[in-house]
Structure formats: C-alpha cells, structure tokens
Protein backbone atom coordinates (compact mmCIF):
# COMPACT_ATOMS: atom_id res chain seq x y z
CA MET A 1 42.74 41.20 154.83
CA LEU A 2 44.12 43.17 157.78
CA SER A 3 46.35 40.31 158.93
CA GLY A 4 47.88 40.12 155.45
CA LEU A 5 48.54 43.87 155.55
CA ILE A 6 50.18 43.57 158.96
CA LYS A 7 52.40 40.67 157.88
CA GLY A 8 53.37 42.49 154.69
CA THR A 9 54.04 45.67 156.64
CA ARG A 10 56.67 43.96 158.79
CA HIS A 11 58.44 42.67 155.66
CA VAL A 12 58.34 46.14 154.09
CA GLY A 13 59.84 47.61 157.26
CA TRP A 14 62.74 45.17 157.36
CA ALA A 15 63.39 45.63 153.64
CA LEU A 16 63.50 49.42 154.11
CA VAL A 17 66.01 48.99 156.94
CA GLY A 18 68.18 46.86 154.62
CA PHE A 19 67.89 49.36 151.76
CA GLY A 20 68.80 52.12 154.19
CA LEU A 21 71.98 50.32 155.18
CA ILE A 22 72.90 49.83 151.52
CA ALA A 23 72.32 53.50 150.72
CA ALA A 24 74.26 54.63 153.79
CA LEU A 25 77.23 52.47 152.76
CA ALA A 26 77.04 53.54 149.08
CA PRO A 27 79.13 56.70 149.61
CA LEU A 28 82.10 54.41 150.21
CA ALA A 29 82.02 53.72 146.45
CA ALA A 30 83.46 56.34 144.14
CA GLY A 31 81.99 58.81 141.68
CA THR A 32 78.89 58.20 139.62
CA ALA A 33 78.43 54.71 141.04
CA VAL A 34 77.19 56.26 144.28
CA MET A 35 74.33 57.98 142.51
CA VAL A 36 73.35 54.84 140.59
CA VAL A 37 73.36 52.69 143.75
CA VAL A 38 71.35 55.26 145.71
CA GLY A 39 68.96 55.56 142.73
CA LEU A 40 68.46 51.79 142.58
CA VAL A 41 67.88 51.66 146.33
CA LEU A 42 65.29 54.44 146.04
CA LEU A 43 63.56 52.63 143.17
CA ALA A 44 63.39 49.42 145.21
CA ALA A 45 62.10 51.35 148.23
CA ALA A 46 59.54 53.11 145.99
CA ALA A 47 58.31 49.74 144.72
CA LEU A 48 57.89 48.48 148.30
CA LEU A 49 56.21 51.70 149.40
CA GLY A 50 53.92 51.57 146.36
CA TRP A 51 52.93 47.98 147.14
CA PHE A 52 52.33 48.90 150.75
CA GLY A 53 50.42 52.02 149.68
CA MET A 54 48.08 49.97 147.50
CA ARG A 55 47.42 47.51 150.32
CA ALA A 56 47.00 50.33 152.84
CA ARG A 57 44.61 52.14 150.52
CA GLU A 58 42.50 48.98 150.21
CA ALA A 59 42.39 48.94 154.01
CA GLY A 60 41.18 52.56 154.02
CA VAL A 61 44.39 54.34 155.07
CA GLY A 62 44.59 56.87 152.23
CA PRO A 63 46.88 57.81 149.34
CA THR A 64 49.85 59.34 151.21
CA PRO A 65 52.12 56.25 150.94
CA LEU A 66 51.48 56.21 147.19
CA VAL A 67 52.50 59.86 146.85
CA VAL A 68 55.69 59.25 148.84
CA ALA A 69 56.39 56.17 146.68
CA GLY A 70 55.91 58.23 143.50
CA LEU A 71 58.35 60.90 144.64
CA ALA A 72 60.91 58.26 145.71
CA ALA A 73 60.57 56.64 142.25
CA LEU A 74 61.07 59.99 140.52
CA VAL A 75 64.26 60.71 142.46
CA GLY A 76 65.47 57.14 141.90
CA LEU A 77 64.89 57.37 138.14
CA VAL A 78 66.77 60.66 137.91
CA LEU A 79 69.70 59.15 139.80
CA VAL A 80 69.79 55.94 137.74
CA PHE A 81 69.31 57.39 134.27
CA ASN A 82 71.22 60.62 134.74
CA PRO A 83 73.69 60.04 137.58
CA SER A 84 75.88 62.89 136.45
CA SER A 85 73.01 65.38 136.59
CA GLY A 86 73.69 68.32 138.79
CA LEU A 87 73.68 67.51 142.45
CA SER A 88 71.52 70.60 142.95
CA ILE A 89 68.60 69.01 141.04
CA VAL A 90 68.93 65.74 142.92
CA ARG A 91 69.31 67.65 146.16
CA LEU A 92 66.09 69.61 145.57
CA LEU A 93 64.17 66.45 144.66
CA LEU A 94 65.44 64.72 147.79
CA ILE A 95 64.55 67.70 149.95
CA GLY A 96 60.99 67.47 148.59
CA TYR A 97 60.94 63.72 149.20
CA PHE A 98 62.24 64.09 152.76
CA LEU A 99 59.73 66.86 153.54
CA LEU A 100 56.79 64.87 152.18
CA SER A 101 57.99 61.68 153.84
CA GLY A 102 58.49 63.48 157.16
CA ALA A 103 55.05 65.07 157.02
CA SER A 104 53.49 61.70 156.20
CA GLU A 105 55.31 60.00 159.08
CA LEU A 106 54.33 62.74 161.53
CA LEU A 107 50.68 62.44 160.45
CA THR A 108 50.85 58.68 160.85
CA ALA A 109 52.37 59.11 164.32
CA TRP A 110 49.54 61.50 165.22
CA GLU A 111 46.95 58.95 164.06
CA LEU A 112 48.66 56.21 166.09
CA ARG A 113 49.35 58.35 169.16
CA ARG A 114 47.23 56.15 171.42
CA GLU A 115 48.99 53.00 170.25
CA GLU A 116 52.22 51.54 171.52
CA GLY A 117 55.05 52.18 169.06
CA TRP A 118 53.75 55.52 167.77
CA ALA A 119 56.87 57.28 169.07
CA TRP A 120 59.03 55.35 166.59
CA MET A 121 56.99 56.81 163.74
CA LEU A 122 57.37 60.25 165.31
CA VAL A 123 61.15 59.77 165.43
CA ALA A 124 61.16 58.64 161.78
CA GLY A 125 59.29 61.82 160.82
CA ALA A 126 61.77 63.94 162.73
CA VAL A 127 64.69 62.13 161.04
CA SER A 128 63.15 62.82 157.62
CA LEU A 129 62.71 66.51 158.41
CA LEU A 130 66.25 66.71 159.78
CA ALA A 131 67.55 65.06 156.59
CA ALA A 132 65.72 67.70 154.52
CA THR A 133 67.24 70.43 156.67
CA ALA A 134 70.72 68.90 156.43
CA LEU A 135 70.51 68.76 152.63
CA TRP A 136 69.13 72.28 152.44
CA THR A 137 71.91 73.75 154.57
CA ASN A 138 74.72 71.42 153.39
CA TRP A 139 75.43 70.55 157.01
CA PRO A 140 77.32 68.58 158.28
CA ILE A 141 78.33 67.05 154.92
CA SER A 142 77.40 67.73 151.33
CA GLY A 143 77.54 66.16 147.89
CA ALA A 144 77.15 62.49 147.03
CA ARG A 145 78.23 61.44 150.50
CA ALA A 146 75.41 63.40 152.07
CA ILE A 147 72.84 62.03 149.64
CA GLY A 148 73.75 58.39 150.23
CA LEU A 149 74.06 58.76 153.97
CA LEU A 150 70.86 60.77 154.44
CA VAL A 151 68.79 58.50 152.18
CA GLY A 152 70.17 55.52 154.11
CA VAL A 153 69.42 56.96 157.52
CA ASN A 154 65.94 58.00 156.36
CA LEU A 155 65.03 54.59 154.93
CA ALA A 156 66.42 52.74 157.96
CA SER A 157 64.51 54.94 160.43
CA VAL A 158 61.26 54.63 158.48
CA GLY A 159 61.76 50.89 158.13
CA TRP A 160 62.35 50.45 161.85
CA ALA A 161 59.27 52.54 162.66
CA VAL A 162 57.18 50.41 160.30
CA VAL A 163 58.48 47.22 161.94
CA ARG A 164 57.59 48.54 165.41
CA VAL A 165 54.11 49.67 164.36
CA ALA A 166 53.49 46.35 162.58
CA ARG A 167 54.40 44.46 165.76
CA ARG A 168 51.86 46.49 167.69
CA LEU A 169 49.19 45.98 165.04
CA ASP A 170 49.91 42.25 164.96
CA ALA A 171 49.48 41.99 168.73
CA ALA A 172 46.19 43.91 168.52
CA GLY A 173 45.01 41.66 165.72
CA GLN A 174 45.77 38.57 167.79
CA ARG A 175 43.77 39.99 170.71
CA VAL A 176 40.81 40.71 168.42
CA ALA A 177 40.99 37.17 167.02
CA ALA A 178 41.02 35.73 170.54
CA VAL A 179 37.96 37.78 171.53
CA ARG A 180 36.15 36.68 168.36
CA ALA A 181 37.00 33.05 169.10
CA ARG A 182 35.62 33.36 172.65
CA LEU A 183 32.40 34.92 171.37
CA ARG A 184 31.73 32.01 169.04
C-alpha cells in the first residue's frame, strides 16, 4: 500500500506544478475569466489533494491534507460560481487557505526533518505564508493578478516539494524491499 501512495504522490506533485503554472499564467487573460480559470485550477488541485489526503489518511498520516483540500475546494467554488464576487471575500478565503496550507507544509517538514528533501517542504511552507502575507498587505501586486500569480506560485512550490519528498520515500521503499528480499 505504501508503494502505491508513493507513486501516486509523485503524480500529485507534478500535477500541482502544472496547475500552478496555469494559475500563474491566468492573469494574462482579462477580467472575470481570470477568476474562473483560477477557480477551476483550485478545484482540480483540491480534488488531487483530497485523493492524496484519503490515501495518506489510510497510511496513518492524518486529516490535514483533507482540510487543506476542503478549503481549496471552497475557494475554487466561490471563484467559479461567483467570479464577480468582491475580491475582498476571495482574498480573505485565499489568505486562510495559504495560512492553513503553510502551517500544514511546515508541520510536514518538521516531521520529515531527518529525511532528505525535507527542506523543499519547508520552502513550500514559507512560500505559502509569504503568499498569505502578500495578499494581506497587497504587496507587491493586488487584485486578480495577485490572486492568479500567488495561487500559481503556491501550487507549483507545493507540487515540487511533494515530488522531492516522494522521490526520497521511493528510494527508502526500495531499500526496505531489498533488505526484505535478502532476509528471505
């Protein structure tokens, strides 16, 4: 079961990197379309995070990925079904998402601190917290451009961290399998 989780984790990571790039490029579109694209990207990311969260929970990791997935889905639904809603509401929801995501990533980095690749998760957590701060202070950009760019950077950094951690877990799993094979 663990090898399936590791393999799936790598795919989730690469998909999040791709979704991040799409969201970061979305501000090049005009008007309401930006919000709809970013909302769809967040919904797709929420689905992936939810799937990963269910698999991780089965492996005994805990419910944090499911909570992050739920918040990402909520923000995505608001953006898709009410793209003209006030940016302040969307901004507050995203700040909450970035804070929760950052805290989750920092906790994961702490749990993996003895493993190779844990620093990538630490960087992803810092990027999430910086995105929350940037949205809160409207610095260096604001509005739809900021939302698309910050969501994109966040998803890409989290995705890359997941890919790096999955590589490390895969290597550890292969070593465990080799030891088991020798013991038989």
